[in-house]
Amino acid sequence: MKNIGVITKLGKSEPLEILRELIPWLNERGYNVFIEQETASRAGFKGYKRSEIPRLVDVVVVLGGDGTMLSAARLVAETGIPLLGVNLGGLGFITEVNRAEMYTAMETLLKGECSVEERMMIEADVIRRGEVIASYTVLNDVVITKGALARIIDLETYIDHTYVTTFKADGLIISTPTGSTAYNLSAGGPILHPAMNSVVLTPICPHTLTNRPIVISCNCLIEVSLGLYSEDVFLTLDGQVGLSVRKDDLIEVKKSPHRTKLLIPCERDYYQVLREKLRWGER
């Protein structure tokens, strides 16, 4: 491993401060560093297009929060390049190394002693009049929601071509185990252990109180069709990208063949993460 990519949270000064120390530190040890253009220009280094970085590097270091990690995971999804996250954000469920631990973690990385934790990803296709008009691979979730002024929407839902129900709700979250601690948790969905091969469907503010979240196998095909009164509806991927969808559009969600590889430089267990991030057991 000689080539290291760096993806940072844009518009913040803290990643720039870190890079001005980290890049010389890596260069002195014989490593080539590839930084995305916008950040590199602000920090005084040579930069590369973000889309170019996956084919140039062996590993990517992410400086930011979970949102930055999610965008990096989508960027490298097809390459299988591992990610090391340094948390400069809030909770940091998937960016577990804090700034104070960064150089210790980097030493572990350079020695090749990090363990690798693989996380399931899902794919979402938007089909309009029989044609796929958009396709996405995500780590956290696929969310279908109504616009700010729209009425409750009808989401006719099938699993493996078998009719399940028509959710009358503000929307529907289709989440991976990694995403179960994100929007899914806020909407009352369950926490799934990241090693599970499952997907959870969680309706957002359902009109029928008996419509509860359901956990299914990740090998299932999920199909959601927008019903008669579904206007001003949006599909959002990992809370970051998306598009407007129309009545009669079909949204298909299935397990992706790609997996996100997270580098874990220290000993820890998932339940410790939950205690620390969600403050379990505190009064």
C-alpha atoms as a PDB file:
ATOM      1  CA  MET A   1       0.000   0.000   0.000  1.00  0.00           C
ATOM      2  CA  LYS A   2       1.660   3.198  -1.195  1.00  0.00           C
ATOM      3  CA  ASN A   3      -1.180   5.408  -2.426  1.00  0.00           C
ATOM      4  CA  ILE A   4      -3.590   7.017   0.031  1.00  0.00           C
ATOM      5  CA  GLY A   5      -6.641   9.055  -0.910  1.00  0.00           C
ATOM      6  CA  VAL A   6      -8.131  11.754   1.307  1.00  0.00           C
ATOM      7  CA  ILE A   7     -11.780  12.843   1.216  1.00  0.00           C
ATOM      8  CA  THR A   8     -12.813  15.694   3.520  1.00  0.00           C
ATOM      9  CA  LYS A   9     -15.875  17.541   4.675  1.00  0.00           C
ATOM     10  CA  LEU A  10     -16.062  20.585   2.426  1.00  0.00           C
ATOM     11  CA  GLY A  11     -16.333  24.160   3.648  1.00  0.00           C
ATOM     12  CA  LYS A  12     -14.726  23.516   7.044  1.00  0.00           C
ATOM     13  CA  SER A  13     -11.370  24.762   8.315  1.00  0.00           C
ATOM     14  CA  GLU A  14     -10.551  21.827  10.614  1.00  0.00           C
ATOM     15  CA  PRO A  15      -9.771  19.325   7.815  1.00  0.00           C
ATOM     16  CA  LEU A  16      -7.392  21.884   6.262  1.00  0.00           C
ATOM     17  CA  GLU A  17      -5.501  22.234   9.545  1.00  0.00           C
ATOM     18  CA  ILE A  18      -5.188  18.461   9.776  1.00  0.00           C
ATOM     19  CA  LEU A  19      -4.027  18.073   6.164  1.00  0.00           C
ATOM     20  CA  ARG A  20      -1.205  20.607   6.536  1.00  0.00           C
ATOM     21  CA  GLU A  21       0.292  18.299   9.155  1.00  0.00           C
ATOM     22  CA  LEU A  22      -0.869  14.900   7.888  1.00  0.00           C
ATOM     23  CA  ILE A  23       0.335  15.168   4.272  1.00  0.00           C
ATOM     24  CA  PRO A  24       4.003  15.937   5.124  1.00  0.00           C
ATOM     25  CA  TRP A  25       3.845  13.206   7.790  1.00  0.00           C
ATOM     26  CA  LEU A  26       2.743  10.657   5.166  1.00  0.00           C
ATOM     27  CA  ASN A  27       5.156  11.929   2.494  1.00  0.00           C
ATOM     28  CA  GLU A  28       8.106  11.562   4.898  1.00  0.00           C
ATOM     29  CA  ARG A  29       7.186   7.891   5.249  1.00  0.00           C
ATOM     30  CA  GLY A  30       7.165   7.363   1.497  1.00  0.00           C
ATOM     31  CA  TYR A  31       3.418   7.465   0.806  1.00  0.00           C
ATOM     32  CA  ASN A  32       1.719   9.226  -2.099  1.00  0.00           C
ATOM     33  CA  VAL A  33      -1.368  11.215  -1.132  1.00  0.00           C
ATOM     34  CA  PHE A  34      -4.253  12.075  -3.462  1.00  0.00           C
ATOM     35  CA  ILE A  35      -6.598  14.832  -2.239  1.00  0.00           C
ATOM     36  CA  GLU A  36      -9.797  16.019  -3.885  1.00  0.00           C
ATOM     37  CA  GLN A  37      -9.354  19.292  -5.797  1.00  0.00           C
ATOM     38  CA  GLU A  38     -11.443  21.716  -3.757  1.00  0.00           C
ATOM     39  CA  THR A  39      -9.825  20.806  -0.459  1.00  0.00           C
ATOM     40  CA  ALA A  40      -6.320  20.539  -1.928  1.00  0.00           C
ATOM     41  CA  SER A  41      -6.447  24.028  -3.447  1.00  0.00           C
ATOM     42  CA  ARG A  42      -7.460  25.551  -0.117  1.00  0.00           C
ATOM     43  CA  ALA A  43      -4.742  23.653   1.764  1.00  0.00           C
ATOM     44  CA  GLY A  44      -1.989  24.416  -0.763  1.00  0.00           C
ATOM     45  CA  PHE A  45      -1.537  20.941  -2.261  1.00  0.00           C
ATOM     46  CA  LYS A  46      -2.024  19.383  -5.685  1.00  0.00           C
ATOM     47  CA  GLY A  47      -5.560  18.084  -6.107  1.00  0.00           C
ATOM     48  CA  TYR A  48      -7.442  15.502  -8.146  1.00  0.00           C
ATOM     49  CA  LYS A  49     -11.032  15.169  -9.292  1.00  0.00           C
ATOM     50  CA  ARG A  50     -13.053  13.268  -6.721  1.00  0.00           C
ATOM     51  CA  SER A  51     -14.170  10.792  -9.397  1.00  0.00           C
ATOM     52  CA  GLU A  52     -10.509  10.004 -10.204  1.00  0.00           C
ATOM     53  CA  ILE A  53      -9.413   9.139  -6.668  1.00  0.00           C
ATOM     54  CA  PRO A  54     -10.777   5.545  -6.449  1.00  0.00           C
ATOM     55  CA  ARG A  55      -8.636   4.348  -9.377  1.00  0.00           C
ATOM     56  CA  LEU A  56      -5.485   6.008  -8.014  1.00  0.00           C
ATOM     57  CA  VAL A  57      -5.392   4.777  -4.413  1.00  0.00           C
ATOM     58  CA  ASP A  58      -5.272   1.680  -2.218  1.00  0.00           C
ATOM     59  CA  VAL A  59      -7.167   3.163   0.740  1.00  0.00           C
ATOM     60  CA  VAL A  60      -9.169   6.321   1.472  1.00  0.00           C
ATOM     61  CA  VAL A  61      -8.939   8.342   4.688  1.00  0.00           C
ATOM     62  CA  VAL A  62     -12.126  10.307   5.362  1.00  0.00           C
ATOM     63  CA  LEU A  63     -11.947  13.491   7.460  1.00  0.00           C
ATOM     64  CA  GLY A  64     -15.473  14.500   8.456  1.00  0.00           C
ATOM     65  CA  GLY A  65     -18.661  13.073   9.879  1.00  0.00           C
ATOM     66  CA  ASP A  66     -20.940  10.212   8.910  1.00  0.00           C
ATOM     67  CA  GLY A  67     -22.267  12.229   5.964  1.00  0.00           C
ATOM     68  CA  THR A  68     -18.793  12.521   4.475  1.00  0.00           C
ATOM     69  CA  MET A  69     -18.294   8.783   5.002  1.00  0.00           C
ATOM     70  CA  LEU A  70     -21.555   8.000   3.211  1.00  0.00           C
ATOM     71  CA  SER A  71     -20.535  10.023   0.156  1.00  0.00           C
ATOM     72  CA  ALA A  72     -17.099   8.348   0.174  1.00  0.00           C
ATOM     73  CA  ALA A  73     -18.737   4.901   0.437  1.00  0.00           C
ATOM     74  CA  ARG A  74     -20.808   5.611  -2.675  1.00  0.00           C
ATOM     75  CA  LEU A  75     -17.716   6.935  -4.452  1.00  0.00           C
ATOM     76  CA  VAL A  76     -15.646   3.763  -3.930  1.00  0.00           C
ATOM     77  CA  ALA A  77     -18.520   1.254  -3.939  1.00  0.00           C
ATOM     78  CA  GLU A  78     -17.534  -0.512  -7.151  1.00  0.00           C
ATOM     79  CA  THR A  79     -13.813  -0.681  -6.323  1.00  0.00           C
ATOM     80  CA  GLY A  80     -13.868  -2.325  -2.886  1.00  0.00           C
ATOM     81  CA  ILE A  81     -11.326   0.202  -1.572  1.00  0.00           C
ATOM     82  CA  PRO A  82     -11.389   0.320   2.261  1.00  0.00           C
ATOM     83  CA  LEU A  83     -12.214   3.489   4.209  1.00  0.00           C
ATOM     84  CA  LEU A  84     -10.755   4.841   7.449  1.00  0.00           C
ATOM     85  CA  GLY A  85     -12.993   7.467   9.019  1.00  0.00           C
ATOM     86  CA  VAL A  86     -11.756  10.246  11.305  1.00  0.00           C
ATOM     87  CA  ASN A  87     -14.723  11.850  13.038  1.00  0.00           C
ATOM     88  CA  LEU A  88     -14.882  15.642  12.805  1.00  0.00           C
ATOM     89  CA  GLY A  89     -18.679  15.714  12.980  1.00  0.00           C
ATOM     90  CA  GLY A  90     -21.324  14.791  15.538  1.00  0.00           C
ATOM     91  CA  LEU A  91     -22.248  11.253  16.555  1.00  0.00           C
ATOM     92  CA  GLY A  92     -19.869   9.434  14.230  1.00  0.00           C
ATOM     93  CA  PHE A  93     -21.395   5.946  14.038  1.00  0.00           C
ATOM     94  CA  ILE A  94     -19.193   5.001  11.069  1.00  0.00           C
ATOM     95  CA  THR A  95     -16.360   7.513  11.590  1.00  0.00           C
ATOM     96  CA  GLU A  96     -15.160   6.095  14.857  1.00  0.00           C
ATOM     97  CA  VAL A  97     -11.606   7.478  15.156  1.00  0.00           C
ATOM     98  CA  ASN A  98     -11.517  10.864  16.859  1.00  0.00           C
ATOM     99  CA  ARG A  99      -8.935  13.527  16.054  1.00  0.00           C
ATOM    100  CA  ALA A 100      -6.806  12.799  19.129  1.00  0.00           C
ATOM    101  CA  GLU A 101      -6.483   9.147  18.041  1.00  0.00           C
ATOM    102  CA  MET A 102      -5.764   9.904  14.383  1.00  0.00           C
ATOM    103  CA  TYR A 103      -1.981   9.380  14.256  1.00  0.00           C
ATOM    104  CA  THR A 104      -2.180   6.207  16.338  1.00  0.00           C
ATOM    105  CA  ALA A 105      -4.822   4.952  13.920  1.00  0.00           C
ATOM    106  CA  MET A 106      -2.684   5.966  10.928  1.00  0.00           C
ATOM    107  CA  GLU A 107       0.296   4.031  12.324  1.00  0.00           C
ATOM    108  CA  THR A 108      -1.937   0.967  12.664  1.00  0.00           C
ATOM    109  CA  LEU A 109      -3.183   1.479   9.095  1.00  0.00           C
ATOM    110  CA  LEU A 110       0.310   1.801   7.629  1.00  0.00           C
ATOM    111  CA  LYS A 111       1.427  -1.364   9.406  1.00  0.00           C
ATOM    112  CA  GLY A 112      -1.491  -3.225   7.836  1.00  0.00           C
ATOM    113  CA  GLU A 113      -2.898  -4.112  11.258  1.00  0.00           C
ATOM    114  CA  CYS A 114      -6.420  -2.680  10.903  1.00  0.00           C
ATOM    115  CA  SER A 115      -9.259  -5.166  10.913  1.00  0.00           C
ATOM    116  CA  VAL A 116     -11.825  -4.801   8.123  1.00  0.00           C
ATOM    117  CA  GLU A 117     -15.557  -4.658   8.791  1.00  0.00           C
ATOM    118  CA  GLU A 118     -17.739  -5.143   5.719  1.00  0.00           C
ATOM    119  CA  ARG A 119     -21.123  -3.426   5.547  1.00  0.00           C
ATOM    120  CA  MET A 120     -23.995  -4.376   3.278  1.00  0.00           C
ATOM    121  CA  MET A 121     -25.156  -1.880   0.635  1.00  0.00           C
ATOM    122  CA  ILE A 122     -28.424  -1.678  -1.305  1.00  0.00           C
ATOM    123  CA  GLU A 123     -29.352  -0.576  -4.822  1.00  0.00           C
ATOM    124  CA  ALA A 124     -32.339   1.513  -5.839  1.00  0.00           C
ATOM    125  CA  ASP A 125     -33.688   1.783  -9.383  1.00  0.00           C
ATOM    126  CA  VAL A 126     -36.380   4.228 -10.483  1.00  0.00           C
ATOM    127  CA  ILE A 127     -38.445   2.776 -13.336  1.00  0.00           C
ATOM    128  CA  ARG A 128     -40.675   5.039 -15.434  1.00  0.00           C
ATOM    129  CA  ARG A 129     -42.787   3.581 -18.261  1.00  0.00           C
ATOM    130  CA  GLY A 130     -40.688   0.416 -18.192  1.00  0.00           C
ATOM    131  CA  GLU A 131     -37.344   2.226 -18.410  1.00  0.00           C
ATOM    132  CA  VAL A 132     -34.748   2.648 -15.618  1.00  0.00           C
ATOM    133  CA  ILE A 133     -34.236   6.416 -15.395  1.00  0.00           C
ATOM    134  CA  ALA A 134     -31.949   6.434 -12.333  1.00  0.00           C
ATOM    135  CA  SER A 135     -29.912   3.922 -10.349  1.00  0.00           C
ATOM    136  CA  TYR A 136     -28.102   4.359  -7.038  1.00  0.00           C
ATOM    137  CA  THR A 137     -25.983   2.303  -4.632  1.00  0.00           C
ATOM    138  CA  VAL A 138     -26.201   3.398  -0.991  1.00  0.00           C
ATOM    139  CA  LEU A 139     -24.863   2.420   2.419  1.00  0.00           C
ATOM    140  CA  ASN A 140     -27.549   3.822   4.727  1.00  0.00           C
ATOM    141  CA  ASP A 141     -31.040   4.128   3.315  1.00  0.00           C
ATOM    142  CA  VAL A 142     -33.492   4.767   0.529  1.00  0.00           C
ATOM    143  CA  VAL A 143     -36.254   7.164   1.602  1.00  0.00           C
ATOM    144  CA  ILE A 144     -39.486   8.030  -0.198  1.00  0.00           C
ATOM    145  CA  THR A 145     -41.134  11.160   1.240  1.00  0.00           C
ATOM    146  CA  LYS A 146     -43.833  13.644   0.417  1.00  0.00           C
ATOM    147  CA  GLY A 147     -43.114  17.314  -0.186  1.00  0.00           C
ATOM    148  CA  ALA A 148     -43.653  19.922   2.514  1.00  0.00           C
ATOM    149  CA  LEU A 149     -47.167  20.825   1.362  1.00  0.00           C
ATOM    150  CA  ALA A 150     -48.241  17.470  -0.063  1.00  0.00           C
ATOM    151  CA  ARG A 151     -50.969  15.266   1.387  1.00  0.00           C
ATOM    152  CA  ILE A 152     -50.374  11.751   2.761  1.00  0.00           C
ATOM    153  CA  ILE A 153     -49.044   9.529  -0.024  1.00  0.00           C
ATOM    154  CA  ASP A 154     -50.005   5.973  -1.003  1.00  0.00           C
ATOM    155  CA  LEU A 155     -47.058   3.586  -1.313  1.00  0.00           C
ATOM    156  CA  GLU A 156     -48.118   0.234  -2.736  1.00  0.00           C
ATOM    157  CA  THR A 157     -45.455  -2.175  -1.520  1.00  0.00           C
ATOM    158  CA  TYR A 158     -44.459  -5.647  -2.754  1.00  0.00           C
ATOM    159  CA  ILE A 159     -41.784  -8.063  -1.496  1.00  0.00           C
ATOM    160  CA  ASP A 160     -40.588 -10.634  -4.026  1.00  0.00           C
ATOM    161  CA  HIS A 161     -43.608  -9.692  -6.205  1.00  0.00           C
ATOM    162  CA  THR A 162     -46.027 -10.517  -3.353  1.00  0.00           C
ATOM    163  CA  TYR A 163     -48.312  -7.676  -2.263  1.00  0.00           C
ATOM    164  CA  VAL A 164     -47.618  -6.570   1.329  1.00  0.00           C
ATOM    165  CA  THR A 165     -49.688  -3.442   1.929  1.00  0.00           C
ATOM    166  CA  THR A 166     -50.310   0.105   0.759  1.00  0.00           C
ATOM    167  CA  PHE A 167     -48.665   2.413   3.261  1.00  0.00           C
ATOM    168  CA  LYS A 168     -50.685   5.605   3.723  1.00  0.00           C
ATOM    169  CA  ALA A 169     -48.001   7.745   5.303  1.00  0.00           C
ATOM    170  CA  ASP A 170     -45.650  10.683   4.999  1.00  0.00           C
ATOM    171  CA  GLY A 171     -43.158   8.288   3.484  1.00  0.00           C
ATOM    172  CA  LEU A 172     -41.208   5.053   3.758  1.00  0.00           C
ATOM    173  CA  ILE A 173     -37.623   4.317   4.851  1.00  0.00           C
ATOM    174  CA  ILE A 174     -35.846   1.265   3.448  1.00  0.00           C
ATOM    175  CA  SER A 175     -32.727   0.886   5.572  1.00  0.00           C
ATOM    176  CA  THR A 176     -29.631  -1.293   5.794  1.00  0.00           C
ATOM    177  CA  PRO A 177     -28.307  -2.400   9.202  1.00  0.00           C
ATOM    178  CA  THR A 178     -25.761   0.456   9.016  1.00  0.00           C
ATOM    179  CA  GLY A 179     -28.547   2.942   8.334  1.00  0.00           C
ATOM    180  CA  SER A 180     -30.759   1.587  11.105  1.00  0.00           C
ATOM    181  CA  THR A 181     -29.233   4.081  13.578  1.00  0.00           C
ATOM    182  CA  ALA A 182     -29.961   7.022  11.258  1.00  0.00           C
ATOM    183  CA  TYR A 183     -33.380   8.231   9.989  1.00  0.00           C
ATOM    184  CA  ASN A 184     -34.864   4.776  10.656  1.00  0.00           C
ATOM    185  CA  LEU A 185     -34.151   5.091  14.391  1.00  0.00           C
ATOM    186  CA  SER A 186     -35.640   8.600  14.534  1.00  0.00           C
ATOM    187  CA  ALA A 187     -38.809   7.279  12.855  1.00  0.00           C
ATOM    188  CA  GLY A 188     -39.247   4.526  15.456  1.00  0.00           C
ATOM    189  CA  GLY A 189     -37.554   1.700  13.577  1.00  0.00           C
ATOM    190  CA  PRO A 190     -35.385  -0.971  15.240  1.00  0.00           C
ATOM    191  CA  ILE A 191     -31.600  -0.993  15.511  1.00  0.00           C
ATOM    192  CA  LEU A 192     -30.084  -3.810  13.437  1.00  0.00           C
ATOM    193  CA  HIS A 193     -26.645  -5.187  14.210  1.00  0.00           C
ATOM    194  CA  PRO A 194     -24.359  -4.267  11.264  1.00  0.00           C
ATOM    195  CA  ALA A 195     -23.402  -7.915  10.678  1.00  0.00           C
ATOM    196  CA  MET A 196     -27.012  -8.843   9.872  1.00  0.00           C
ATOM    197  CA  ASN A 197     -28.053  -9.542   6.293  1.00  0.00           C
ATOM    198  CA  SER A 198     -31.387  -7.785   6.639  1.00  0.00           C
ATOM    199  CA  VAL A 199     -33.313  -4.726   5.532  1.00  0.00           C
ATOM    200  CA  VAL A 200     -35.921  -2.832   7.549  1.00  0.00           C
ATOM    201  CA  LEU A 201     -38.972  -1.064   6.105  1.00  0.00           C
ATOM    202  CA  THR A 202     -40.193   1.743   8.350  1.00  0.00           C
ATOM    203  CA  PRO A 203     -43.222   3.888   7.455  1.00  0.00           C
ATOM    204  CA  ILE A 204     -42.950   7.582   8.344  1.00  0.00           C
ATOM    205  CA  CYS A 205     -45.940   8.817  10.366  1.00  0.00           C
ATOM    206  CA  PRO A 206     -48.332   6.134   9.014  1.00  0.00           C
ATOM    207  CA  HIS A 207     -52.014   7.034   8.901  1.00  0.00           C
ATOM    208  CA  THR A 208     -52.806   3.513  10.170  1.00  0.00           C
ATOM    209  CA  LEU A 209     -51.254   2.968  13.600  1.00  0.00           C
ATOM    210  CA  THR A 210     -50.922  -0.785  13.019  1.00  0.00           C
ATOM    211  CA  ASN A 211     -48.467  -0.178  10.149  1.00  0.00           C
ATOM    212  CA  ARG A 212     -45.244  -0.954  11.995  1.00  0.00           C
ATOM    213  CA  PRO A 213     -41.635  -1.465  10.808  1.00  0.00           C
ATOM    214  CA  ILE A 214     -40.828  -4.896   9.356  1.00  0.00           C
ATOM    215  CA  VAL A 215     -37.413  -6.582   9.061  1.00  0.00           C
ATOM    216  CA  ILE A 216     -36.884  -8.809   6.021  1.00  0.00           C
ATOM    217  CA  SER A 217     -34.071 -10.727   4.343  1.00  0.00           C
ATOM    218  CA  CYS A 218     -31.641  -8.630   2.311  1.00  0.00           C
ATOM    219  CA  ASN A 219     -32.130 -11.103  -0.540  1.00  0.00           C
ATOM    220  CA  CYS A 220     -35.694  -9.909  -1.096  1.00  0.00           C
ATOM    221  CA  LEU A 221     -36.702  -7.619  -3.939  1.00  0.00           C
ATOM    222  CA  ILE A 222     -38.683  -4.630  -2.661  1.00  0.00           C
ATOM    223  CA  GLU A 223     -40.985  -2.817  -5.077  1.00  0.00           C
ATOM    224  CA  VAL A 224     -42.795   0.397  -4.200  1.00  0.00           C
ATOM    225  CA  SER A 225     -45.314   1.957  -6.566  1.00  0.00           C
ATOM    226  CA  LEU A 226     -46.692   5.468  -6.112  1.00  0.00           C
ATOM    227  CA  GLY A 227     -50.454   5.450  -5.789  1.00  0.00           C
ATOM    228  CA  LEU A 228     -53.255   7.649  -7.109  1.00  0.00           C
ATOM    229  CA  TYR A 229     -52.741  10.663  -4.858  1.00  0.00           C
ATOM    230  CA  SER A 230     -48.940  10.587  -4.784  1.00  0.00           C
ATOM    231  CA  GLU A 231     -47.853  14.042  -5.899  1.00  0.00           C
ATOM    232  CA  ASP A 232     -44.781  16.089  -4.942  1.00  0.00           C
ATOM    233  CA  VAL A 233     -42.836  12.975  -3.892  1.00  0.00           C
ATOM    234  CA  PHE A 234     -39.066  12.702  -3.502  1.00  0.00           C
ATOM    235  CA  LEU A 235     -36.641   9.799  -3.440  1.00  0.00           C
ATOM    236  CA  THR A 236     -33.601  10.493  -1.259  1.00  0.00           C
ATOM    237  CA  LEU A 237     -30.476   8.323  -1.070  1.00  0.00           C
ATOM    238  CA  ASP A 238     -28.359   8.375   2.109  1.00  0.00           C
ATOM    239  CA  GLY A 239     -29.995  11.729   2.874  1.00  0.00           C
ATOM    240  CA  GLN A 240     -27.715  13.385   0.328  1.00  0.00           C
ATOM    241  CA  VAL A 241     -28.787  12.828  -3.278  1.00  0.00           C
ATOM    242  CA  GLY A 242     -32.080  12.107  -4.961  1.00  0.00           C
ATOM    243  CA  LEU A 243     -34.751  13.084  -7.412  1.00  0.00           C
ATOM    244  CA  SER A 244     -38.424  13.875  -7.764  1.00  0.00           C
ATOM    245  CA  VAL A 245     -40.606  10.871  -8.593  1.00  0.00           C
ATOM    246  CA  ARG A 246     -44.053  10.751 -10.185  1.00  0.00           C
ATOM    247  CA  LYS A 247     -47.299   8.867  -9.898  1.00  0.00           C
ATOM    248  CA  ASP A 248     -46.959   5.366 -11.425  1.00  0.00           C
ATOM    249  CA  ASP A 249     -43.160   5.371 -11.045  1.00  0.00           C
ATOM    250  CA  LEU A 250     -41.823   2.081  -9.665  1.00  0.00           C
ATOM    251  CA  ILE A 251     -38.974   2.060  -7.167  1.00  0.00           C
ATOM    252  CA  GLU A 252     -37.071  -1.226  -6.889  1.00  0.00           C
ATOM    253  CA  VAL A 253     -34.682  -1.847  -3.992  1.00  0.00           C
ATOM    254  CA  LYS A 254     -32.426  -4.875  -3.622  1.00  0.00           C
ATOM    255  CA  LYS A 255     -29.132  -5.952  -2.089  1.00  0.00           C
ATOM    256  CA  SER A 256     -26.072  -4.587  -3.889  1.00  0.00           C
ATOM    257  CA  PRO A 257     -23.222  -6.894  -4.932  1.00  0.00           C
ATOM    258  CA  HIS A 258     -20.875  -4.228  -3.510  1.00  0.00           C
ATOM    259  CA  ARG A 259     -19.954  -3.889   0.161  1.00  0.00           C
ATOM    260  CA  THR A 260     -18.417  -0.998   2.076  1.00  0.00           C
ATOM    261  CA  LYS A 261     -15.158  -1.940   3.793  1.00  0.00           C
ATOM    262  CA  LEU A 262     -14.546  -0.006   7.013  1.00  0.00           C
ATOM    263  CA  LEU A 263     -11.077  -0.121   8.572  1.00  0.00           C
ATOM    264  CA  ILE A 264     -11.156  -0.586  12.349  1.00  0.00           C
ATOM    265  CA  PRO A 265      -7.807   0.413  13.917  1.00  0.00           C
ATOM    266  CA  CYS A 266      -8.691  -0.338  17.545  1.00  0.00           C
ATOM    267  CA  GLU A 267     -10.455  -2.889  19.681  1.00  0.00           C
ATOM    268  CA  ARG A 268     -14.099  -2.084  20.246  1.00  0.00           C
ATOM    269  CA  ASP A 269     -17.507  -3.743  20.121  1.00  0.00           C
ATOM    270  CA  TYR A 270     -20.747  -2.532  18.605  1.00  0.00           C
ATOM    271  CA  TYR A 271     -22.549  -2.372  21.937  1.00  0.00           C
ATOM    272  CA  GLN A 272     -19.860  -0.054  23.289  1.00  0.00           C
ATOM    273  CA  VAL A 273     -20.562   2.212  20.306  1.00  0.00           C
ATOM    274  CA  LEU A 274     -24.284   2.228  21.148  1.00  0.00           C
ATOM    275  CA  ARG A 275     -23.569   3.034  24.801  1.00  0.00           C
ATOM    276  CA  GLU A 276     -21.272   5.898  23.869  1.00  0.00           C
ATOM    277  CA  LYS A 277     -23.248   7.376  20.976  1.00  0.00           C
ATOM    278  CA  LEU A 278     -26.797   6.821  22.256  1.00  0.00           C
ATOM    279  CA  ARG A 279     -25.930   7.103  25.955  1.00  0.00           C
ATOM    280  CA  TRP A 280     -27.512   3.774  26.828  1.00  0.00           C
ATOM    281  CA  GLY A 281     -27.663   3.137  30.556  1.00  0.00           C
ATOM    282  CA  GLU A 282     -27.369   6.808  31.547  1.00  0.00           C
ATOM    283  CA  ARG A 283     -29.966   8.614  33.651  1.00  0.00           C
END
